[in-house]
Amino acid sequence: MFYKPMESPVSILIQQSLSITAALLPSLQAQYKMDQVNSTGMTGSKAKFTIDLPHHSLSFTTKLQVTEANLPSEASIELPQVHVSAEYIQDGSNSVEAQFAGM
């Protein structure tokens, strides 16, 4: 008996933002933020996905009182946009294809 994986379309759209926050030290907090993520694809034996991440950033914030004028209490960096395209077809043709681009 052969198991055939279920095939179904998948679509993910984050219109606002998704952020992950972590305390790196008791006095230092980091946040990774993704804006406007778009992902579409198909699961199963003919898996094919496209992911576009045009805006994402990494920021750090200290909880300490900054007494020196040259040291900011926050720092943030905008990261380059990301485009991922992947395809995996298992039905006898052994086709595997992937493209990754950071622009």
C-alpha atoms as a PDB file:
ATOM      1  CA  MET A   1       0.000   0.000   0.000  1.00  0.00           C
ATOM      2  CA  PHE A   2       1.411   3.371  -1.019  1.00  0.00           C
ATOM      3  CA  TYR A   3       0.753   6.493   0.966  1.00  0.00           C
ATOM      4  CA  LYS A   4      -0.069   9.524  -1.147  1.00  0.00           C
ATOM      5  CA  PRO A   5       0.444  12.848   0.657  1.00  0.00           C
ATOM      6  CA  MET A   6      -2.468  15.222   0.696  1.00  0.00           C
ATOM      7  CA  GLU A   7      -2.091  18.143  -1.695  1.00  0.00           C
ATOM      8  CA  SER A   8      -3.602  21.470  -0.759  1.00  0.00           C
ATOM      9  CA  PRO A   9      -2.982  25.122  -1.565  1.00  0.00           C
ATOM     10  CA  VAL A  10      -1.438  27.269   1.160  1.00  0.00           C
ATOM     11  CA  SER A  11      -1.492  31.049   1.326  1.00  0.00           C
ATOM     12  CA  ILE A  12      -0.138  33.216   4.140  1.00  0.00           C
ATOM     13  CA  LEU A  13      -0.385  36.995   4.146  1.00  0.00           C
ATOM     14  CA  ILE A  14       0.738  39.162   7.057  1.00  0.00           C
ATOM     15  CA  GLN A  15      -0.546  42.631   6.245  1.00  0.00           C
ATOM     16  CA  GLN A  16       0.493  44.334   9.473  1.00  0.00           C
ATOM     17  CA  SER A  17       3.542  42.853  11.160  1.00  0.00           C
ATOM     18  CA  LEU A  18       4.837  39.900  13.134  1.00  0.00           C
ATOM     19  CA  SER A  19       7.506  40.429  15.772  1.00  0.00           C
ATOM     20  CA  ILE A  20       9.574  38.205  18.041  1.00  0.00           C
ATOM     21  CA  THR A  21      11.088  39.719  21.167  1.00  0.00           C
ATOM     22  CA  ALA A  22      13.766  38.181  23.388  1.00  0.00           C
ATOM     23  CA  ALA A  23      15.776  39.298  26.415  1.00  0.00           C
ATOM     24  CA  LEU A  24      19.403  38.662  25.465  1.00  0.00           C
ATOM     25  CA  LEU A  25      20.562  39.925  28.861  1.00  0.00           C
ATOM     26  CA  PRO A  26      18.579  41.219  31.836  1.00  0.00           C
ATOM     27  CA  SER A  27      19.311  44.730  30.561  1.00  0.00           C
ATOM     28  CA  LEU A  28      19.174  44.135  26.774  1.00  0.00           C
ATOM     29  CA  GLN A  29      16.117  43.335  24.661  1.00  0.00           C
ATOM     30  CA  ALA A  30      16.158  42.347  20.975  1.00  0.00           C
ATOM     31  CA  GLN A  31      13.242  42.394  18.527  1.00  0.00           C
ATOM     32  CA  TYR A  32      12.980  40.890  15.035  1.00  0.00           C
ATOM     33  CA  LYS A  33      10.061  42.335  13.065  1.00  0.00           C
ATOM     34  CA  MET A  34       8.593  41.243   9.707  1.00  0.00           C
ATOM     35  CA  ASP A  35       6.178  43.472   7.777  1.00  0.00           C
ATOM     36  CA  GLN A  36       3.991  42.488   4.809  1.00  0.00           C
ATOM     37  CA  VAL A  37       5.019  38.831   4.446  1.00  0.00           C
ATOM     38  CA  ASN A  38       3.415  37.030   1.493  1.00  0.00           C
ATOM     39  CA  SER A  39       3.708  33.280   1.007  1.00  0.00           C
ATOM     40  CA  THR A  40       1.845  31.070  -1.466  1.00  0.00           C
ATOM     41  CA  GLY A  41       2.299  27.471  -2.462  1.00  0.00           C
ATOM     42  CA  MET A  42       1.111  23.891  -2.714  1.00  0.00           C
ATOM     43  CA  THR A  43       1.836  21.086  -0.246  1.00  0.00           C
ATOM     44  CA  GLY A  44       2.177  17.394  -1.027  1.00  0.00           C
ATOM     45  CA  SER A  45       4.151  15.513  -3.662  1.00  0.00           C
ATOM     46  CA  LYS A  46       4.182  18.535  -5.976  1.00  0.00           C
ATOM     47  CA  ALA A  47       5.317  21.058  -3.381  1.00  0.00           C
ATOM     48  CA  LYS A  48       5.946  24.533  -4.721  1.00  0.00           C
ATOM     49  CA  PHE A  49       6.330  27.695  -2.628  1.00  0.00           C
ATOM     50  CA  THR A  50       7.067  31.363  -3.075  1.00  0.00           C
ATOM     51  CA  ILE A  51       7.851  33.630  -0.133  1.00  0.00           C
ATOM     52  CA  ASP A  52       8.307  37.403  -0.342  1.00  0.00           C
ATOM     53  CA  LEU A  53       9.550  39.390   2.636  1.00  0.00           C
ATOM     54  CA  PRO A  54      10.023  42.989   1.481  1.00  0.00           C
ATOM     55  CA  HIS A  55      10.488  44.607   4.929  1.00  0.00           C
ATOM     56  CA  HIS A  56      12.092  43.209   8.077  1.00  0.00           C
ATOM     57  CA  SER A  57      14.291  44.665  10.794  1.00  0.00           C
ATOM     58  CA  LEU A  58      16.314  43.880  13.901  1.00  0.00           C
ATOM     59  CA  SER A  59      16.384  46.249  16.862  1.00  0.00           C
ATOM     60  CA  PHE A  60      17.997  46.365  20.292  1.00  0.00           C
ATOM     61  CA  THR A  61      16.888  48.316  23.363  1.00  0.00           C
ATOM     62  CA  THR A  62      18.687  48.692  26.674  1.00  0.00           C
ATOM     63  CA  LYS A  63      16.870  48.959  29.985  1.00  0.00           C
ATOM     64  CA  LEU A  64      19.826  50.710  31.618  1.00  0.00           C
ATOM     65  CA  GLN A  65      19.922  54.443  32.131  1.00  0.00           C
ATOM     66  CA  VAL A  66      22.354  55.827  29.570  1.00  0.00           C
ATOM     67  CA  THR A  67      24.453  58.515  31.244  1.00  0.00           C
ATOM     68  CA  GLU A  68      26.919  59.196  28.442  1.00  0.00           C
ATOM     69  CA  ALA A  69      25.619  61.366  25.595  1.00  0.00           C
ATOM     70  CA  ASN A  70      27.392  59.275  22.918  1.00  0.00           C
ATOM     71  CA  LEU A  71      25.579  56.010  23.720  1.00  0.00           C
ATOM     72  CA  PRO A  72      22.030  55.592  22.373  1.00  0.00           C
ATOM     73  CA  SER A  73      19.521  53.502  24.332  1.00  0.00           C
ATOM     74  CA  GLU A  74      18.175  51.988  21.071  1.00  0.00           C
ATOM     75  CA  ALA A  75      19.585  50.748  17.773  1.00  0.00           C
ATOM     76  CA  SER A  76      17.757  49.382  14.731  1.00  0.00           C
ATOM     77  CA  ILE A  77      18.770  48.064  11.320  1.00  0.00           C
ATOM     78  CA  GLU A  78      16.596  47.476   8.265  1.00  0.00           C
ATOM     79  CA  LEU A  79      17.471  44.130   6.679  1.00  0.00           C
ATOM     80  CA  PRO A  80      17.495  43.494   2.883  1.00  0.00           C
ATOM     81  CA  GLN A  81      14.339  42.140   1.250  1.00  0.00           C
ATOM     82  CA  VAL A  82      14.087  38.383   0.737  1.00  0.00           C
ATOM     83  CA  HIS A  83      12.517  36.374  -2.102  1.00  0.00           C
ATOM     84  CA  VAL A  84      12.421  32.566  -1.951  1.00  0.00           C
ATOM     85  CA  SER A  85      11.097  30.314  -4.696  1.00  0.00           C
ATOM     86  CA  ALA A  86      11.194  26.534  -4.253  1.00  0.00           C
ATOM     87  CA  GLU A  87       9.814  23.541  -6.131  1.00  0.00           C
ATOM     88  CA  TYR A  88       9.983  19.828  -5.368  1.00  0.00           C
ATOM     89  CA  ILE A  89       8.269  17.298  -7.665  1.00  0.00           C
ATOM     90  CA  GLN A  90       8.500  13.686  -6.543  1.00  0.00           C
ATOM     91  CA  ASP A  91       6.305  11.951  -9.177  1.00  0.00           C
ATOM     92  CA  GLY A  92       9.005  10.043 -11.081  1.00  0.00           C
ATOM     93  CA  SER A  93      10.745  13.102 -12.526  1.00  0.00           C
ATOM     94  CA  ASN A  94      13.035  13.800  -9.526  1.00  0.00           C
ATOM     95  CA  SER A  95      12.883  17.553 -10.158  1.00  0.00           C
ATOM     96  CA  VAL A  96      14.206  19.716  -7.344  1.00  0.00           C
ATOM     97  CA  GLU A  97      14.505  23.458  -7.861  1.00  0.00           C
ATOM     98  CA  ALA A  98      15.189  26.342  -5.494  1.00  0.00           C
ATOM     99  CA  GLN A  99      15.990  30.014  -5.768  1.00  0.00           C
ATOM    100  CA  PHE A 100      16.947  32.284  -2.891  1.00  0.00           C
ATOM    101  CA  ALA A 101      17.513  35.971  -3.285  1.00  0.00           C
ATOM    102  CA  GLY A 102      18.345  38.658  -0.774  1.00  0.00           C
ATOM    103  CA  MET A 103      18.118  41.994  -2.490  1.00  0.00           C
END
